[in-house]
Amino acid sequence: SPDMVPEVQNRLLDDISQVVNLKPVDIEYCARVPQILSATEKVHKKSGSQVFVRGCISGPFSIASALLVIESLLTACVMKPEQAKALIDFCTEISIAHAKAYAKKGLCVCVFDSYAAPPLLSPQMYNSLVLPGIRRIAKELRRMACEFIEYVVGGKTDDIATDMAVSGFDMIVSDFT
């Protein structure tokens, strides 16, 4: 229903092996993205320089967990890390495209990737599978001249705090200890 908070009803992937079938998407025209971009742009224009307005995008691991059930994604991270990495790389491109859509409207973004932390992922998996894409997103945000870029991660982040600190973001928010 259009009046409800969006949630994933059916996953696009049934198995990690299907990652090879994924096709790039034009994020600016997907689902509710045009409405959200427009609303954020209107708030930005009305508030002028008095308020720092930015859009919010999902990080790659959180997007991956929306495409493939989290249990299957976590199993792939252990048993089929190359395919898991391919999915996370695909999702990194979606995050970057979403950020570019906001940049076209003169807005910067905050990246939320709450699924990308312990206890779901081990620190080693975070470092090898997630951090490279997060660093790439930060680099692209800098290239877009975004100021004060923020990365939000949930979970028990103390074991990945050092990695998060070198992610390239100006601000790291952990919504759990």
C-alpha atoms as a PDB file:
ATOM      1  CA  SER A   1       0.000   0.000   0.000  1.00  0.00           C
ATOM      2  CA  PRO A   2       1.328   3.480  -0.803  1.00  0.00           C
ATOM      3  CA  ASP A   3       0.462   4.613   2.732  1.00  0.00           C
ATOM      4  CA  MET A   4       2.689   2.024   4.399  1.00  0.00           C
ATOM      5  CA  VAL A   5       6.399   2.056   5.129  1.00  0.00           C
ATOM      6  CA  PRO A   6       8.107   0.232   2.235  1.00  0.00           C
ATOM      7  CA  GLU A   7       9.407  -3.223   2.999  1.00  0.00           C
ATOM      8  CA  VAL A   8      10.742  -6.079   0.927  1.00  0.00           C
ATOM      9  CA  GLN A   9       8.032  -8.657   0.308  1.00  0.00           C
ATOM     10  CA  ASN A  10       9.896 -10.928  -2.107  1.00  0.00           C
ATOM     11  CA  ARG A  11      13.638 -11.107  -2.594  1.00  0.00           C
ATOM     12  CA  LEU A  12      14.978 -10.712  -6.115  1.00  0.00           C
ATOM     13  CA  LEU A  13      17.485 -13.531  -5.609  1.00  0.00           C
ATOM     14  CA  ASP A  14      16.698 -17.027  -4.385  1.00  0.00           C
ATOM     15  CA  ASP A  15      20.353 -18.078  -4.397  1.00  0.00           C
ATOM     16  CA  ILE A  16      23.726 -16.310  -4.502  1.00  0.00           C
ATOM     17  CA  SER A  17      24.527 -18.003  -7.826  1.00  0.00           C
ATOM     18  CA  GLN A  18      21.887 -15.762  -9.446  1.00  0.00           C
ATOM     19  CA  VAL A  19      24.101 -12.714  -8.913  1.00  0.00           C
ATOM     20  CA  VAL A  20      25.401 -13.162 -12.487  1.00  0.00           C
ATOM     21  CA  ASN A  21      21.876 -12.424 -13.758  1.00  0.00           C
ATOM     22  CA  LEU A  22      21.592  -8.996 -12.113  1.00  0.00           C
ATOM     23  CA  LYS A  23      21.310  -6.038 -14.463  1.00  0.00           C
ATOM     24  CA  PRO A  24      22.111  -2.395 -13.679  1.00  0.00           C
ATOM     25  CA  VAL A  25      19.123  -0.293 -12.675  1.00  0.00           C
ATOM     26  CA  ASP A  26      18.360   3.363 -13.301  1.00  0.00           C
ATOM     27  CA  ILE A  27      17.863   4.228  -9.642  1.00  0.00           C
ATOM     28  CA  GLU A  28      16.425   7.678 -10.357  1.00  0.00           C
ATOM     29  CA  TYR A  29      13.281   6.075 -11.752  1.00  0.00           C
ATOM     30  CA  CYS A  30      12.861   3.090  -9.400  1.00  0.00           C
ATOM     31  CA  ALA A  31       9.832   2.746  -7.113  1.00  0.00           C
ATOM     32  CA  ARG A  32       9.562   5.708  -4.723  1.00  0.00           C
ATOM     33  CA  VAL A  33      12.997   7.164  -5.439  1.00  0.00           C
ATOM     34  CA  PRO A  34      11.687   9.991  -7.682  1.00  0.00           C
ATOM     35  CA  GLN A  35       9.257  11.084  -4.949  1.00  0.00           C
ATOM     36  CA  ILE A  36      11.944  10.975  -2.277  1.00  0.00           C
ATOM     37  CA  LEU A  37      14.418  12.917  -4.438  1.00  0.00           C
ATOM     38  CA  SER A  38      11.780  15.538  -5.186  1.00  0.00           C
ATOM     39  CA  ALA A  39      10.715  15.896  -1.540  1.00  0.00           C
ATOM     40  CA  THR A  40      14.317  16.223  -0.349  1.00  0.00           C
ATOM     41  CA  GLU A  41      15.058  18.795  -3.038  1.00  0.00           C
ATOM     42  CA  LYS A  42      11.994  20.852  -1.991  1.00  0.00           C
ATOM     43  CA  VAL A  43      13.056  20.831   1.662  1.00  0.00           C
ATOM     44  CA  HIS A  44      16.560  21.861   0.613  1.00  0.00           C
ATOM     45  CA  LYS A  45      15.286  24.768  -1.505  1.00  0.00           C
ATOM     46  CA  LYS A  46      12.875  25.993   1.182  1.00  0.00           C
ATOM     47  CA  SER A  47      15.455  25.881   3.961  1.00  0.00           C
ATOM     48  CA  GLY A  48      18.182  27.616   1.970  1.00  0.00           C
ATOM     49  CA  SER A  49      21.552  27.728   3.642  1.00  0.00           C
ATOM     50  CA  GLN A  50      20.056  27.777   7.152  1.00  0.00           C
ATOM     51  CA  VAL A  51      19.746  23.990   7.406  1.00  0.00           C
ATOM     52  CA  PHE A  52      22.043  21.260   6.154  1.00  0.00           C
ATOM     53  CA  VAL A  53      19.729  18.949   4.183  1.00  0.00           C
ATOM     54  CA  ARG A  54      20.888  15.662   2.719  1.00  0.00           C
ATOM     55  CA  GLY A  55      19.412  12.479   1.385  1.00  0.00           C
ATOM     56  CA  CYS A  56      19.835   9.029   2.851  1.00  0.00           C
ATOM     57  CA  ILE A  57      20.953   5.999   0.916  1.00  0.00           C
ATOM     58  CA  SER A  58      21.426   2.369   1.823  1.00  0.00           C
ATOM     59  CA  GLY A  59      24.903   0.938   1.880  1.00  0.00           C
ATOM     60  CA  PRO A  60      25.870  -2.076  -0.210  1.00  0.00           C
ATOM     61  CA  PHE A  61      25.537  -4.805   2.400  1.00  0.00           C
ATOM     62  CA  SER A  62      22.104  -3.593   3.450  1.00  0.00           C
ATOM     63  CA  ILE A  63      20.996  -3.533  -0.191  1.00  0.00           C
ATOM     64  CA  ALA A  64      22.418  -7.030  -0.670  1.00  0.00           C
ATOM     65  CA  SER A  65      20.373  -8.243   2.309  1.00  0.00           C
ATOM     66  CA  ALA A  66      17.253  -6.879   0.615  1.00  0.00           C
ATOM     67  CA  LEU A  67      18.057  -8.768  -2.593  1.00  0.00           C
ATOM     68  CA  LEU A  68      18.926 -12.089  -0.934  1.00  0.00           C
ATOM     69  CA  VAL A  69      17.640 -13.229   2.460  1.00  0.00           C
ATOM     70  CA  ILE A  70      20.200 -12.417   5.132  1.00  0.00           C
ATOM     71  CA  GLU A  71      20.785 -16.047   6.100  1.00  0.00           C
ATOM     72  CA  SER A  72      21.683 -16.945   2.517  1.00  0.00           C
ATOM     73  CA  LEU A  73      23.845 -13.847   2.186  1.00  0.00           C
ATOM     74  CA  LEU A  74      25.772 -14.654   5.365  1.00  0.00           C
ATOM     75  CA  THR A  75      26.215 -18.270   4.249  1.00  0.00           C
ATOM     76  CA  ALA A  76      27.555 -17.028   0.915  1.00  0.00           C
ATOM     77  CA  CYS A  77      30.012 -14.730   2.708  1.00  0.00           C
ATOM     78  CA  VAL A  78      31.522 -17.846   4.294  1.00  0.00           C
ATOM     79  CA  MET A  79      31.017 -20.534   1.659  1.00  0.00           C
ATOM     80  CA  LYS A  80      31.061 -18.557  -1.596  1.00  0.00           C
ATOM     81  CA  PRO A  81      32.897 -15.300  -0.825  1.00  0.00           C
ATOM     82  CA  GLU A  82      33.597 -14.520  -4.507  1.00  0.00           C
ATOM     83  CA  GLN A  83      29.886 -14.540  -5.310  1.00  0.00           C
ATOM     84  CA  ALA A  84      29.071 -12.589  -2.144  1.00  0.00           C
ATOM     85  CA  LYS A  85      31.695 -10.017  -3.155  1.00  0.00           C
ATOM     86  CA  ALA A  86      30.162  -9.802  -6.643  1.00  0.00           C
ATOM     87  CA  LEU A  87      26.755  -9.072  -5.098  1.00  0.00           C
ATOM     88  CA  ILE A  88      28.192  -6.475  -2.715  1.00  0.00           C
ATOM     89  CA  ASP A  89      30.086  -4.845  -5.616  1.00  0.00           C
ATOM     90  CA  PHE A  90      26.845  -4.703  -7.628  1.00  0.00           C
ATOM     91  CA  CYS A  91      25.123  -3.095  -4.648  1.00  0.00           C
ATOM     92  CA  THR A  92      27.998  -0.615  -4.247  1.00  0.00           C
ATOM     93  CA  GLU A  93      27.215   0.618  -7.759  1.00  0.00           C
ATOM     94  CA  ILE A  94      23.558   1.045  -6.772  1.00  0.00           C
ATOM     95  CA  SER A  95      24.602   3.098  -3.723  1.00  0.00           C
ATOM     96  CA  ILE A  96      26.828   5.298  -5.876  1.00  0.00           C
ATOM     97  CA  ALA A  97      24.113   5.789  -8.502  1.00  0.00           C
ATOM     98  CA  HIS A  98      21.668   6.757  -5.749  1.00  0.00           C
ATOM     99  CA  ALA A  99      24.164   9.273  -4.351  1.00  0.00           C
ATOM    100  CA  LYS A 100      24.654  10.736  -7.853  1.00  0.00           C
ATOM    101  CA  ALA A 101      20.891  11.185  -8.188  1.00  0.00           C
ATOM    102  CA  TYR A 102      20.938  13.287  -5.019  1.00  0.00           C
ATOM    103  CA  ALA A 103      24.037  15.178  -6.207  1.00  0.00           C
ATOM    104  CA  LYS A 104      22.180  16.176  -9.389  1.00  0.00           C
ATOM    105  CA  LYS A 105      19.677  17.894  -7.085  1.00  0.00           C
ATOM    106  CA  GLY A 106      22.479  19.702  -5.243  1.00  0.00           C
ATOM    107  CA  LEU A 107      22.279  17.396  -2.223  1.00  0.00           C
ATOM    108  CA  CYS A 108      24.766  15.274  -0.340  1.00  0.00           C
ATOM    109  CA  VAL A 109      23.953  11.994   1.357  1.00  0.00           C
ATOM    110  CA  CYS A 110      24.283   9.946   4.491  1.00  0.00           C
ATOM    111  CA  VAL A 111      25.031   6.239   3.990  1.00  0.00           C
ATOM    112  CA  PHE A 112      23.181   3.752   6.217  1.00  0.00           C
ATOM    113  CA  ASP A 113      24.528   0.201   6.228  1.00  0.00           C
ATOM    114  CA  SER A 114      23.244  -1.249   9.479  1.00  0.00           C
ATOM    115  CA  TYR A 115      23.424  -4.862   8.329  1.00  0.00           C
ATOM    116  CA  ALA A 116      27.177  -4.575   7.756  1.00  0.00           C
ATOM    117  CA  ALA A 117      28.461  -5.132  11.274  1.00  0.00           C
ATOM    118  CA  PRO A 118      29.074  -7.738  13.921  1.00  0.00           C
ATOM    119  CA  PRO A 119      27.451  -9.850  15.106  1.00  0.00           C
ATOM    120  CA  LEU A 120      26.088 -10.468  11.589  1.00  0.00           C
ATOM    121  CA  LEU A 121      29.492 -10.181   9.925  1.00  0.00           C
ATOM    122  CA  SER A 122      32.838 -11.017  11.430  1.00  0.00           C
ATOM    123  CA  PRO A 123      35.410  -8.209  11.461  1.00  0.00           C
ATOM    124  CA  GLN A 124      37.382 -10.143   8.808  1.00  0.00           C
ATOM    125  CA  MET A 125      34.334 -10.365   6.529  1.00  0.00           C
ATOM    126  CA  TYR A 126      33.621  -6.681   7.043  1.00  0.00           C
ATOM    127  CA  ASN A 127      37.213  -5.848   6.114  1.00  0.00           C
ATOM    128  CA  SER A 128      37.381  -8.030   3.015  1.00  0.00           C
ATOM    129  CA  LEU A 129      33.821  -7.857   1.681  1.00  0.00           C
ATOM    130  CA  VAL A 130      32.272  -4.571   2.825  1.00  0.00           C
ATOM    131  CA  LEU A 131      35.035  -2.046   3.480  1.00  0.00           C
ATOM    132  CA  PRO A 132      36.345  -1.875  -0.128  1.00  0.00           C
ATOM    133  CA  GLY A 133      32.904  -0.801  -1.388  1.00  0.00           C
ATOM    134  CA  ILE A 134      32.400   1.633   1.487  1.00  0.00           C
ATOM    135  CA  ARG A 135      35.757   3.238   0.707  1.00  0.00           C
ATOM    136  CA  ARG A 136      34.780   3.489  -2.955  1.00  0.00           C
ATOM    137  CA  ILE A 137      31.498   5.170  -2.020  1.00  0.00           C
ATOM    138  CA  ALA A 138      33.342   7.692   0.168  1.00  0.00           C
ATOM    139  CA  LYS A 139      35.755   8.409  -2.691  1.00  0.00           C
ATOM    140  CA  GLU A 140      32.854   8.944  -5.114  1.00  0.00           C
ATOM    141  CA  LEU A 141      31.070  11.223  -2.643  1.00  0.00           C
ATOM    142  CA  ARG A 142      34.235  13.333  -2.412  1.00  0.00           C
ATOM    143  CA  ARG A 143      34.380  13.430  -6.206  1.00  0.00           C
ATOM    144  CA  MET A 144      30.781  14.738  -6.159  1.00  0.00           C
ATOM    145  CA  ALA A 145      31.968  17.504  -3.802  1.00  0.00           C
ATOM    146  CA  CYS A 146      29.764  16.260  -0.974  1.00  0.00           C
ATOM    147  CA  GLU A 147      30.650  17.907   2.265  1.00  0.00           C
ATOM    148  CA  PHE A 148      30.562  16.287   5.660  1.00  0.00           C
ATOM    149  CA  ILE A 149      29.870  12.727   4.582  1.00  0.00           C
ATOM    150  CA  GLU A 150      28.404  10.368   7.154  1.00  0.00           C
ATOM    151  CA  TYR A 151      28.403   6.580   7.498  1.00  0.00           C
ATOM    152  CA  VAL A 152      25.906   4.911   9.849  1.00  0.00           C
ATOM    153  CA  VAL A 153      26.340   1.295  10.938  1.00  0.00           C
ATOM    154  CA  GLY A 154      24.396  -0.713  13.486  1.00  0.00           C
ATOM    155  CA  GLY A 155      25.517  -3.689  15.470  1.00  0.00           C
ATOM    156  CA  LYS A 156      28.464  -4.218  17.772  1.00  0.00           C
ATOM    157  CA  THR A 157      30.865  -1.982  15.898  1.00  0.00           C
ATOM    158  CA  ASP A 158      33.758  -1.794  18.361  1.00  0.00           C
ATOM    159  CA  ASP A 159      35.482  -4.720  16.585  1.00  0.00           C
ATOM    160  CA  ILE A 160      35.355  -2.896  13.247  1.00  0.00           C
ATOM    161  CA  ALA A 161      35.895   0.647  14.546  1.00  0.00           C
ATOM    162  CA  THR A 162      39.454   0.823  13.192  1.00  0.00           C
ATOM    163  CA  ASP A 163      38.256  -0.202   9.727  1.00  0.00           C
ATOM    164  CA  MET A 164      35.363   2.234   9.864  1.00  0.00           C
ATOM    165  CA  ALA A 165      37.777   5.007  10.844  1.00  0.00           C
ATOM    166  CA  VAL A 166      39.726   4.538   7.590  1.00  0.00           C
ATOM    167  CA  SER A 167      36.613   4.318   5.414  1.00  0.00           C
ATOM    168  CA  GLY A 168      37.001   7.882   4.137  1.00  0.00           C
ATOM    169  CA  PHE A 169      33.908   9.312   5.801  1.00  0.00           C
ATOM    170  CA  ASP A 170      33.961  12.464   7.934  1.00  0.00           C
ATOM    171  CA  MET A 171      31.566  11.106  10.511  1.00  0.00           C
ATOM    172  CA  ILE A 172      30.881   7.576  11.705  1.00  0.00           C
ATOM    173  CA  VAL A 173      27.689   6.843  13.625  1.00  0.00           C
ATOM    174  CA  SER A 174      27.233   3.561  15.438  1.00  0.00           C
ATOM    175  CA  ASP A 175      23.682   3.024  16.552  1.00  0.00           C
ATOM    176  CA  PHE A 176      24.798   0.280  18.944  1.00  0.00           C
ATOM    177  CA  THR A 177      27.961  -0.230  20.985  1.00  0.00           C
END
